[in-house]
Amino acid sequence: MAAISASQVKELRERTGLGMMECKKALTEAGGDIEVAIENLRKSSGLKAAKKAGRTAAEGAVATRVAEDGSYGVVVEINSETDFVARDDNFKAFADQVADAFFAAKSEDVAAVMEGALESAREQLVQKIGENIGVRRCAVVEAPKGGLVGEYVHGGRIGVLTVLKGGNADVAKDVAMHVAAINPAVARPEDMPQEQLDKEKAIILAQPDMAGKPEQIAEKMVEGRLKKYLAENSLTEQPFVKDPNQTVAAYAKAAGGEVLGFTRFEVGEGIEKEEVDFAKEVMEQAGRR
């Protein structure tokens, strides 16, 4: 069995708020898999949903563009190796160039859009800065007839496009801001994948207070908790970040709008970042001289 590292224990503690020994035990039983450890902890202790992993592998920027009439928009992620380079004016100019190109092409095909002049510009930037620069992904979002796309970018690292039926640009932007801050799993309860609901139901049934309950009572309890889970993780049902007294759906409805969906990009999400021991690296370099 693989040894459990201090960084694994640290991440599990940050995501669950539990003690070091409890986290280490959970990781050992899960063979070092943090997600499995969280599921097991939720089953055994009724632990609430843990925070999402905050570690990201790549630095860089996220940029958005939306048509003047709100008919469509694009969100693009451009990566660098360090945050220092992501703040460089040359990198920012390249990121803007990339976003403009994808917007003009109205395409998600990274290889096709980057071909030619844009790829040459990327190679020149790599040579100038000395870091690997790459365009990771793009999403094109279109509004239905009578709808519009809204945008919001937070700190150059989180970009959101929202799709509304009706409403206006300010409402669409406010909803995008909420998505950036809260990061809901889906737009509406009915959008939650059945696989995820089945998984959540299994976790609920395995919790200690469900033991020995008659089937009918257990089903009602599961139904209530699933309803709460959906409300907490669906954009439309969440308390609006700028006015917690109303839901996002209610806020949009008051302005004649209906939330249909969203796309959220965060720099480096889903990529494992190699942890570097800089002191060790310097010593190794010195030893080679």
C-alpha atoms as a PDB file:
ATOM      1  CA  MET A   1       0.000   0.000   0.000  1.00  0.00           C
ATOM      2  CA  ALA A   2       1.313   3.441  -0.940  1.00  0.00           C
ATOM      3  CA  ALA A   3       2.480   5.643   1.928  1.00  0.00           C
ATOM      4  CA  ILE A   4       0.192   8.538   2.837  1.00  0.00           C
ATOM      5  CA  SER A   5       1.989  11.859   2.374  1.00  0.00           C
ATOM      6  CA  ALA A   6       1.701  14.910   4.590  1.00  0.00           C
ATOM      7  CA  SER A   7       0.352  16.917   1.646  1.00  0.00           C
ATOM      8  CA  GLN A   8      -2.514  14.420   1.195  1.00  0.00           C
ATOM      9  CA  VAL A   9      -3.421  14.681   4.875  1.00  0.00           C
ATOM     10  CA  LYS A  10      -3.205  18.487   4.665  1.00  0.00           C
ATOM     11  CA  GLU A  11      -5.538  18.629   1.641  1.00  0.00           C
ATOM     12  CA  LEU A  12      -8.087  16.307   3.257  1.00  0.00           C
ATOM     13  CA  ARG A  13      -8.016  18.380   6.462  1.00  0.00           C
ATOM     14  CA  GLU A  14      -8.568  21.590   4.462  1.00  0.00           C
ATOM     15  CA  ARG A  15     -11.471  20.057   2.577  1.00  0.00           C
ATOM     16  CA  THR A  16     -13.203  18.409   5.536  1.00  0.00           C
ATOM     17  CA  GLY A  17     -12.143  20.331   8.649  1.00  0.00           C
ATOM     18  CA  LEU A  18     -11.414  17.034  10.445  1.00  0.00           C
ATOM     19  CA  GLY A  19      -8.412  16.198  12.640  1.00  0.00           C
ATOM     20  CA  MET A  20      -5.069  15.000  11.338  1.00  0.00           C
ATOM     21  CA  MET A  21      -5.301  11.433  12.671  1.00  0.00           C
ATOM     22  CA  GLU A  22      -8.853  10.969  11.411  1.00  0.00           C
ATOM     23  CA  CYS A  23      -7.789  12.186   7.975  1.00  0.00           C
ATOM     24  CA  LYS A  24      -4.737   9.939   7.911  1.00  0.00           C
ATOM     25  CA  LYS A  25      -6.844   6.921   8.893  1.00  0.00           C
ATOM     26  CA  ALA A  26      -9.428   7.708   6.214  1.00  0.00           C
ATOM     27  CA  LEU A  27      -6.729   8.071   3.561  1.00  0.00           C
ATOM     28  CA  THR A  28      -5.105   4.798   4.608  1.00  0.00           C
ATOM     29  CA  GLU A  29      -8.422   2.955   4.333  1.00  0.00           C
ATOM     30  CA  ALA A  30      -9.030   4.570   0.931  1.00  0.00           C
ATOM     31  CA  GLY A  31      -5.604   3.632  -0.395  1.00  0.00           C
ATOM     32  CA  GLY A  32      -4.583   7.267  -0.637  1.00  0.00           C
ATOM     33  CA  ASP A  33      -7.532   8.330  -2.816  1.00  0.00           C
ATOM     34  CA  ILE A  34      -8.807  11.630  -1.393  1.00  0.00           C
ATOM     35  CA  GLU A  35     -12.186  11.509  -3.146  1.00  0.00           C
ATOM     36  CA  VAL A  36     -12.857   7.964  -1.893  1.00  0.00           C
ATOM     37  CA  ALA A  37     -11.783   8.999   1.617  1.00  0.00           C
ATOM     38  CA  ILE A  38     -14.303  11.876   1.537  1.00  0.00           C
ATOM     39  CA  GLU A  39     -17.098   9.566   0.390  1.00  0.00           C
ATOM     40  CA  ASN A  40     -16.291   7.071   3.167  1.00  0.00           C
ATOM     41  CA  LEU A  41     -16.207   9.840   5.766  1.00  0.00           C
ATOM     42  CA  ARG A  42     -19.560  11.135   4.604  1.00  0.00           C
ATOM     43  CA  LYS A  43     -21.044   7.654   4.871  1.00  0.00           C
ATOM     44  CA  SER A  44     -19.653   6.930   8.328  1.00  0.00           C
ATOM     45  CA  SER A  45     -20.003  10.299  10.030  1.00  0.00           C
ATOM     46  CA  GLY A  46     -22.619  12.267   8.145  1.00  0.00           C
ATOM     47  CA  LEU A  47     -19.938  14.705   7.065  1.00  0.00           C
ATOM     48  CA  LYS A  48     -21.332  17.419   4.812  1.00  0.00           C
ATOM     49  CA  ALA A  49     -20.073  17.791   1.245  1.00  0.00           C
ATOM     50  CA  ALA A  50     -16.382  18.637   1.371  1.00  0.00           C
ATOM     51  CA  LYS A  51     -14.845  21.653  -0.287  1.00  0.00           C
ATOM     52  CA  LYS A  52     -13.593  21.184  -3.804  1.00  0.00           C
ATOM     53  CA  ALA A  53      -9.852  20.785  -4.227  1.00  0.00           C
ATOM     54  CA  GLY A  54      -8.231  24.183  -4.470  1.00  0.00           C
ATOM     55  CA  ARG A  55      -4.911  23.058  -5.916  1.00  0.00           C
ATOM     56  CA  THR A  56      -4.424  23.911  -9.556  1.00  0.00           C
ATOM     57  CA  ALA A  57      -1.726  22.753 -11.903  1.00  0.00           C
ATOM     58  CA  ALA A  58      -1.366  25.616 -14.333  1.00  0.00           C
ATOM     59  CA  GLU A  59      -1.265  29.376 -14.152  1.00  0.00           C
ATOM     60  CA  GLY A  60      -2.493  31.775 -16.789  1.00  0.00           C
ATOM     61  CA  ALA A  61      -5.694  33.611 -17.602  1.00  0.00           C
ATOM     62  CA  VAL A  62      -9.309  33.208 -18.633  1.00  0.00           C
ATOM     63  CA  ALA A  63     -10.848  35.658 -21.099  1.00  0.00           C
ATOM     64  CA  THR A  64     -14.391  36.139 -22.395  1.00  0.00           C
ATOM     65  CA  ARG A  65     -15.996  37.891 -25.336  1.00  0.00           C
ATOM     66  CA  VAL A  66     -19.719  38.463 -25.935  1.00  0.00           C
ATOM     67  CA  ALA A  67     -21.449  39.801 -29.051  1.00  0.00           C
ATOM     68  CA  GLU A  68     -22.971  43.272 -28.747  1.00  0.00           C
ATOM     69  CA  ASP A  69     -26.465  41.830 -29.199  1.00  0.00           C
ATOM     70  CA  GLY A  70     -25.776  39.113 -26.613  1.00  0.00           C
ATOM     71  CA  SER A  71     -26.441  36.373 -29.157  1.00  0.00           C
ATOM     72  CA  TYR A  72     -23.276  34.422 -28.371  1.00  0.00           C
ATOM     73  CA  GLY A  73     -20.062  34.496 -26.401  1.00  0.00           C
ATOM     74  CA  VAL A  74     -16.790  32.635 -25.944  1.00  0.00           C
ATOM     75  CA  VAL A  75     -14.653  31.832 -22.914  1.00  0.00           C
ATOM     76  CA  VAL A  76     -11.015  30.796 -23.381  1.00  0.00           C
ATOM     77  CA  GLU A  77      -8.273  29.553 -21.037  1.00  0.00           C
ATOM     78  CA  ILE A  78      -4.666  30.459 -21.845  1.00  0.00           C
ATOM     79  CA  ASN A  79      -1.953  28.900 -19.666  1.00  0.00           C
ATOM     80  CA  SER A  80       1.522  29.812 -18.499  1.00  0.00           C
ATOM     81  CA  GLU A  81       3.842  28.013 -16.106  1.00  0.00           C
ATOM     82  CA  THR A  82       3.899  30.714 -13.411  1.00  0.00           C
ATOM     83  CA  ASP A  83       1.599  33.383 -12.042  1.00  0.00           C
ATOM     84  CA  PHE A  84       4.411  35.900 -12.565  1.00  0.00           C
ATOM     85  CA  VAL A  85       4.203  35.421 -16.338  1.00  0.00           C
ATOM     86  CA  ALA A  86       0.386  35.498 -16.229  1.00  0.00           C
ATOM     87  CA  ARG A  87       0.686  39.106 -14.975  1.00  0.00           C
ATOM     88  CA  ASP A  88       3.138  40.084 -17.733  1.00  0.00           C
ATOM     89  CA  ASP A  89       1.824  42.627 -20.254  1.00  0.00           C
ATOM     90  CA  ASN A  90       3.091  40.558 -23.189  1.00  0.00           C
ATOM     91  CA  PHE A  91       1.156  37.540 -21.952  1.00  0.00           C
ATOM     92  CA  LYS A  92      -1.964  39.612 -21.373  1.00  0.00           C
ATOM     93  CA  ALA A  93      -1.744  41.027 -24.904  1.00  0.00           C
ATOM     94  CA  PHE A  94      -1.431  37.497 -26.304  1.00  0.00           C
ATOM     95  CA  ALA A  95      -4.413  36.338 -24.232  1.00  0.00           C
ATOM     96  CA  ASP A  96      -6.501  39.187 -25.659  1.00  0.00           C
ATOM     97  CA  GLN A  97      -5.372  38.267 -29.171  1.00  0.00           C
ATOM     98  CA  VAL A  98      -6.397  34.652 -28.582  1.00  0.00           C
ATOM     99  CA  ALA A  99      -9.810  35.596 -27.191  1.00  0.00           C
ATOM    100  CA  ASP A 100     -10.467  37.883 -30.168  1.00  0.00           C
ATOM    101  CA  ALA A 101      -9.510  35.114 -32.605  1.00  0.00           C
ATOM    102  CA  PHE A 102     -11.801  32.505 -31.033  1.00  0.00           C
ATOM    103  CA  PHE A 103     -14.620  35.049 -30.869  1.00  0.00           C
ATOM    104  CA  ALA A 104     -14.221  35.919 -34.548  1.00  0.00           C
ATOM    105  CA  ALA A 105     -14.034  32.237 -35.537  1.00  0.00           C
ATOM    106  CA  LYS A 106     -16.937  31.300 -33.253  1.00  0.00           C
ATOM    107  CA  SER A 107     -15.174  27.989 -32.796  1.00  0.00           C
ATOM    108  CA  GLU A 108     -14.059  25.683 -29.955  1.00  0.00           C
ATOM    109  CA  ASP A 109     -11.455  23.951 -32.144  1.00  0.00           C
ATOM    110  CA  VAL A 110      -8.188  25.010 -30.488  1.00  0.00           C
ATOM    111  CA  ALA A 111      -5.917  23.402 -33.096  1.00  0.00           C
ATOM    112  CA  ALA A 112      -7.766  25.014 -36.013  1.00  0.00           C
ATOM    113  CA  VAL A 113      -7.967  28.524 -34.537  1.00  0.00           C
ATOM    114  CA  MET A 114      -4.350  28.498 -33.346  1.00  0.00           C
ATOM    115  CA  GLU A 115      -3.003  27.410 -36.728  1.00  0.00           C
ATOM    116  CA  GLY A 116      -0.917  29.960 -38.604  1.00  0.00           C
ATOM    117  CA  ALA A 117      -0.266  33.489 -37.321  1.00  0.00           C
ATOM    118  CA  LEU A 118      -1.602  32.854 -33.812  1.00  0.00           C
ATOM    119  CA  GLU A 119       0.658  29.829 -33.353  1.00  0.00           C
ATOM    120  CA  SER A 120       3.628  31.884 -34.561  1.00  0.00           C
ATOM    121  CA  ALA A 121       2.774  34.568 -32.011  1.00  0.00           C
ATOM    122  CA  ARG A 122       2.637  31.899 -29.286  1.00  0.00           C
ATOM    123  CA  GLU A 123       6.068  30.515 -30.284  1.00  0.00           C
ATOM    124  CA  GLN A 124       7.593  33.997 -30.278  1.00  0.00           C
ATOM    125  CA  LEU A 125       6.165  34.656 -26.812  1.00  0.00           C
ATOM    126  CA  VAL A 126       7.590  31.365 -25.532  1.00  0.00           C
ATOM    127  CA  GLN A 127      11.045  32.349 -26.817  1.00  0.00           C
ATOM    128  CA  LYS A 128      10.778  35.841 -25.340  1.00  0.00           C
ATOM    129  CA  ILE A 129       9.444  34.846 -21.896  1.00  0.00           C
ATOM    130  CA  GLY A 130      11.153  31.481 -21.491  1.00  0.00           C
ATOM    131  CA  GLU A 131       8.055  29.617 -20.323  1.00  0.00           C
ATOM    132  CA  ASN A 132       5.704  27.255 -22.070  1.00  0.00           C
ATOM    133  CA  ILE A 133       2.531  29.059 -23.139  1.00  0.00           C
ATOM    134  CA  GLY A 134      -0.527  27.201 -24.373  1.00  0.00           C
ATOM    135  CA  VAL A 135      -4.218  27.574 -25.148  1.00  0.00           C
ATOM    136  CA  ARG A 136      -6.004  24.834 -23.238  1.00  0.00           C
ATOM    137  CA  ARG A 137      -9.689  25.124 -24.119  1.00  0.00           C
ATOM    138  CA  CYS A 138     -12.509  27.270 -25.430  1.00  0.00           C
ATOM    139  CA  ALA A 139     -16.300  27.130 -25.124  1.00  0.00           C
ATOM    140  CA  VAL A 140     -18.784  28.829 -27.420  1.00  0.00           C
ATOM    141  CA  VAL A 141     -22.152  29.625 -25.844  1.00  0.00           C
ATOM    142  CA  GLU A 142     -25.193  30.705 -27.859  1.00  0.00           C
ATOM    143  CA  ALA A 143     -28.431  32.253 -26.643  1.00  0.00           C
ATOM    144  CA  PRO A 144     -31.831  31.059 -27.849  1.00  0.00           C
ATOM    145  CA  LYS A 145     -34.197  33.400 -29.683  1.00  0.00           C
ATOM    146  CA  GLY A 146     -35.299  36.095 -27.252  1.00  0.00           C
ATOM    147  CA  GLY A 147     -32.379  35.332 -24.923  1.00  0.00           C
ATOM    148  CA  LEU A 148     -28.898  36.654 -24.289  1.00  0.00           C
ATOM    149  CA  VAL A 149     -25.440  35.659 -23.079  1.00  0.00           C
ATOM    150  CA  GLY A 150     -23.845  37.486 -20.127  1.00  0.00           C
ATOM    151  CA  GLU A 151     -20.216  37.540 -19.011  1.00  0.00           C
ATOM    152  CA  TYR A 152     -18.095  38.134 -15.941  1.00  0.00           C
ATOM    153  CA  VAL A 153     -14.359  37.648 -15.338  1.00  0.00           C
ATOM    154  CA  HIS A 154     -12.938  37.663 -11.827  1.00  0.00           C
ATOM    155  CA  GLY A 155      -9.287  38.604 -11.454  1.00  0.00           C
ATOM    156  CA  GLY A 156      -8.450  37.193 -14.863  1.00  0.00           C
ATOM    157  CA  ARG A 157      -8.623  33.696 -13.377  1.00  0.00           C
ATOM    158  CA  ILE A 158     -12.331  32.809 -13.408  1.00  0.00           C
ATOM    159  CA  GLY A 159     -14.506  33.438 -16.448  1.00  0.00           C
ATOM    160  CA  VAL A 160     -18.251  32.819 -16.646  1.00  0.00           C
ATOM    161  CA  LEU A 161     -20.804  32.964 -19.438  1.00  0.00           C
ATOM    162  CA  THR A 162     -24.487  32.779 -18.521  1.00  0.00           C
ATOM    163  CA  VAL A 163     -27.483  32.158 -20.763  1.00  0.00           C
ATOM    164  CA  LEU A 164     -30.796  33.853 -19.991  1.00  0.00           C
ATOM    165  CA  LYS A 165     -34.147  33.861 -21.698  1.00  0.00           C
ATOM    166  CA  GLY A 166     -35.350  37.448 -21.454  1.00  0.00           C
ATOM    167  CA  GLY A 167     -33.834  39.764 -18.861  1.00  0.00           C
ATOM    168  CA  ASN A 168     -31.004  42.146 -19.710  1.00  0.00           C
ATOM    169  CA  ALA A 169     -27.212  42.375 -19.805  1.00  0.00           C
ATOM    170  CA  ASP A 170     -26.914  43.645 -16.217  1.00  0.00           C
ATOM    171  CA  VAL A 171     -28.912  40.710 -14.844  1.00  0.00           C
ATOM    172  CA  ALA A 172     -26.925  38.248 -16.954  1.00  0.00           C
ATOM    173  CA  LYS A 173     -23.690  39.740 -15.597  1.00  0.00           C
ATOM    174  CA  ASP A 174     -24.942  39.594 -11.995  1.00  0.00           C
ATOM    175  CA  VAL A 175     -25.850  35.927 -12.398  1.00  0.00           C
ATOM    176  CA  ALA A 176     -22.403  35.270 -13.919  1.00  0.00           C
ATOM    177  CA  MET A 177     -20.825  36.985 -10.913  1.00  0.00           C
ATOM    178  CA  HIS A 178     -22.779  34.663  -8.612  1.00  0.00           C
ATOM    179  CA  VAL A 179     -21.541  31.629 -10.570  1.00  0.00           C
ATOM    180  CA  ALA A 180     -17.950  32.850 -10.291  1.00  0.00           C
ATOM    181  CA  ALA A 181     -18.265  33.245  -6.517  1.00  0.00           C
ATOM    182  CA  ILE A 182     -20.335  30.172  -5.565  1.00  0.00           C
ATOM    183  CA  ASN A 183     -19.482  27.669  -8.336  1.00  0.00           C
ATOM    184  CA  PRO A 184     -22.784  25.736  -8.507  1.00  0.00           C
ATOM    185  CA  ALA A 185     -22.727  22.208  -9.919  1.00  0.00           C
ATOM    186  CA  VAL A 186     -25.617  22.693 -12.382  1.00  0.00           C
ATOM    187  CA  ALA A 187     -27.892  25.472 -13.600  1.00  0.00           C
ATOM    188  CA  ARG A 188     -31.227  23.886 -12.589  1.00  0.00           C
ATOM    189  CA  PRO A 189     -32.194  20.913 -10.394  1.00  0.00           C
ATOM    190  CA  GLU A 190     -33.346  18.946 -13.439  1.00  0.00           C
ATOM    191  CA  ASP A 191     -29.846  19.313 -14.927  1.00  0.00           C
ATOM    192  CA  MET A 192     -28.221  17.217 -12.168  1.00  0.00           C
ATOM    193  CA  PRO A 193     -26.978  13.908 -13.686  1.00  0.00           C
ATOM    194  CA  GLN A 194     -28.857  10.838 -12.429  1.00  0.00           C
ATOM    195  CA  GLU A 195     -25.520   9.189 -11.700  1.00  0.00           C
ATOM    196  CA  GLN A 196     -24.688  11.958  -9.232  1.00  0.00           C
ATOM    197  CA  LEU A 197     -28.113  11.700  -7.586  1.00  0.00           C
ATOM    198  CA  ASP A 198     -27.714   7.922  -7.210  1.00  0.00           C
ATOM    199  CA  LYS A 199     -24.305   8.460  -5.661  1.00  0.00           C
ATOM    200  CA  GLU A 200     -25.668  11.031  -3.215  1.00  0.00           C
ATOM    201  CA  LYS A 201     -28.578   8.746  -2.317  1.00  0.00           C
ATOM    202  CA  ALA A 202     -26.149   5.923  -1.489  1.00  0.00           C
ATOM    203  CA  ILE A 203     -24.209   8.271   0.776  1.00  0.00           C
ATOM    204  CA  ILE A 204     -27.387   9.383   2.561  1.00  0.00           C
ATOM    205  CA  LEU A 205     -28.582   5.792   3.103  1.00  0.00           C
ATOM    206  CA  ALA A 206     -25.190   4.854   4.583  1.00  0.00           C
ATOM    207  CA  GLN A 207     -25.291   7.603   7.220  1.00  0.00           C
ATOM    208  CA  PRO A 208     -25.692   6.464  10.867  1.00  0.00           C
ATOM    209  CA  ASP A 209     -29.101   8.059  11.494  1.00  0.00           C
ATOM    210  CA  MET A 210     -30.637   6.032   8.648  1.00  0.00           C
ATOM    211  CA  ALA A 211     -29.920   2.702  10.332  1.00  0.00           C
ATOM    212  CA  GLY A 212     -33.005   0.700  11.304  1.00  0.00           C
ATOM    213  CA  LYS A 213     -35.476   3.174   9.805  1.00  0.00           C
ATOM    214  CA  PRO A 214     -38.641   1.676   8.241  1.00  0.00           C
ATOM    215  CA  GLU A 215     -38.493   1.769   4.437  1.00  0.00           C
ATOM    216  CA  GLN A 216     -41.212   4.418   4.020  1.00  0.00           C
ATOM    217  CA  ILE A 217     -39.635   6.755   6.563  1.00  0.00           C
ATOM    218  CA  ALA A 218     -36.185   6.199   5.096  1.00  0.00           C
ATOM    219  CA  GLU A 219     -37.445   7.060   1.607  1.00  0.00           C
ATOM    220  CA  LYS A 220     -39.034  10.291   2.859  1.00  0.00           C
ATOM    221  CA  MET A 221     -35.807  11.239   4.625  1.00  0.00           C
ATOM    222  CA  VAL A 222     -33.803  10.518   1.466  1.00  0.00           C
ATOM    223  CA  GLU A 223     -36.239  12.537  -0.620  1.00  0.00           C
ATOM    224  CA  GLY A 224     -35.945  15.514   1.723  1.00  0.00           C
ATOM    225  CA  ARG A 225     -32.162  15.418   1.816  1.00  0.00           C
ATOM    226  CA  LEU A 226     -31.891  15.030  -1.952  1.00  0.00           C
ATOM    227  CA  LYS A 227     -34.162  18.042  -2.371  1.00  0.00           C
ATOM    228  CA  LYS A 228     -31.894  20.031  -0.072  1.00  0.00           C
ATOM    229  CA  TYR A 229     -28.805  18.790  -1.947  1.00  0.00           C
ATOM    230  CA  LEU A 230     -30.299  19.912  -5.253  1.00  0.00           C
ATOM    231  CA  ALA A 231     -31.205  23.325  -3.835  1.00  0.00           C
ATOM    232  CA  GLU A 232     -27.687  23.841  -2.505  1.00  0.00           C
ATOM    233  CA  ASN A 233     -25.986  22.807  -5.765  1.00  0.00           C
ATOM    234  CA  SER A 234     -28.321  24.249  -8.413  1.00  0.00           C
ATOM    235  CA  LEU A 235     -27.733  27.840  -9.536  1.00  0.00           C
ATOM    236  CA  THR A 236     -31.395  28.807  -9.787  1.00  0.00           C
ATOM    237  CA  GLU A 237     -32.203  27.606  -6.254  1.00  0.00           C
ATOM    238  CA  GLN A 238     -29.224  29.165  -4.467  1.00  0.00           C
ATOM    239  CA  PRO A 239     -29.594  32.368  -2.409  1.00  0.00           C
ATOM    240  CA  PHE A 240     -28.435  35.183  -4.700  1.00  0.00           C
ATOM    241  CA  VAL A 241     -24.987  36.336  -3.595  1.00  0.00           C
ATOM    242  CA  LYS A 242     -25.936  40.059  -3.745  1.00  0.00           C
ATOM    243  CA  ASP A 243     -29.265  39.508  -1.959  1.00  0.00           C
ATOM    244  CA  PRO A 244     -29.497  36.241   0.019  1.00  0.00           C
ATOM    245  CA  ASN A 245     -33.196  36.892   0.725  1.00  0.00           C
ATOM    246  CA  GLN A 246     -34.092  35.764  -2.785  1.00  0.00           C
ATOM    247  CA  THR A 247     -32.950  32.934  -5.042  1.00  0.00           C
ATOM    248  CA  VAL A 248     -31.064  33.499  -8.272  1.00  0.00           C
ATOM    249  CA  ALA A 249     -34.169  32.384 -10.181  1.00  0.00           C
ATOM    250  CA  ALA A 250     -36.315  34.935  -8.342  1.00  0.00           C
ATOM    251  CA  TYR A 251     -33.790  37.713  -9.012  1.00  0.00           C
ATOM    252  CA  ALA A 252     -33.778  36.951 -12.744  1.00  0.00           C
ATOM    253  CA  LYS A 253     -37.576  36.596 -12.867  1.00  0.00           C
ATOM    254  CA  ALA A 254     -38.067  40.042 -11.301  1.00  0.00           C
ATOM    255  CA  ALA A 255     -36.240  41.476 -14.303  1.00  0.00           C
ATOM    256  CA  GLY A 256     -38.239  39.404 -16.788  1.00  0.00           C
ATOM    257  CA  GLY A 257     -35.548  36.781 -17.213  1.00  0.00           C
ATOM    258  CA  GLU A 258     -35.086  33.039 -16.785  1.00  0.00           C
ATOM    259  CA  VAL A 259     -31.744  31.345 -16.179  1.00  0.00           C
ATOM    260  CA  LEU A 260     -31.103  28.593 -18.725  1.00  0.00           C
ATOM    261  CA  GLY A 261     -27.460  27.680 -18.178  1.00  0.00           C
ATOM    262  CA  PHE A 262     -23.865  28.706 -17.569  1.00  0.00           C
ATOM    263  CA  THR A 263     -20.273  27.856 -18.450  1.00  0.00           C
ATOM    264  CA  ARG A 264     -17.526  28.466 -15.901  1.00  0.00           C
ATOM    265  CA  PHE A 265     -13.766  28.254 -16.529  1.00  0.00           C
ATOM    266  CA  GLU A 266     -11.184  28.553 -13.753  1.00  0.00           C
ATOM    267  CA  VAL A 267      -7.476  28.663 -14.510  1.00  0.00           C
ATOM    268  CA  GLY A 268      -5.850  25.268 -14.089  1.00  0.00           C
ATOM    269  CA  GLU A 269      -8.878  23.411 -12.739  1.00  0.00           C
ATOM    270  CA  GLY A 270      -8.576  19.655 -13.070  1.00  0.00           C
ATOM    271  CA  ILE A 271      -4.814  19.619 -13.678  1.00  0.00           C
ATOM    272  CA  GLU A 272      -2.398  18.259 -11.104  1.00  0.00           C
ATOM    273  CA  LYS A 273       0.471  20.612 -10.376  1.00  0.00           C
ATOM    274  CA  GLU A 274       3.860  19.181  -9.596  1.00  0.00           C
ATOM    275  CA  GLU A 275       5.115  20.427  -6.250  1.00  0.00           C
ATOM    276  CA  VAL A 276       8.678  21.663  -6.481  1.00  0.00           C
ATOM    277  CA  ASP A 277      11.135  21.726  -3.569  1.00  0.00           C
ATOM    278  CA  PHE A 278      13.086  24.820  -4.591  1.00  0.00           C
ATOM    279  CA  ALA A 279      15.701  24.448  -1.840  1.00  0.00           C
ATOM    280  CA  LYS A 280      16.450  20.903  -2.971  1.00  0.00           C
ATOM    281  CA  GLU A 281      16.527  22.005  -6.597  1.00  0.00           C
ATOM    282  CA  VAL A 282      19.066  24.746  -5.858  1.00  0.00           C
ATOM    283  CA  MET A 283      21.267  22.311  -3.917  1.00  0.00           C
ATOM    284  CA  GLU A 284      21.161  19.825  -6.779  1.00  0.00           C
ATOM    285  CA  GLN A 285      22.127  22.518  -9.255  1.00  0.00           C
ATOM    286  CA  ALA A 286      24.988  23.668  -7.024  1.00  0.00           C
ATOM    287  CA  GLY A 287      26.224  20.092  -6.717  1.00  0.00           C
ATOM    288  CA  ARG A 288      26.539  19.760 -10.489  1.00  0.00           C
ATOM    289  CA  ARG A 289      28.983  22.664 -10.727  1.00  0.00           C
END
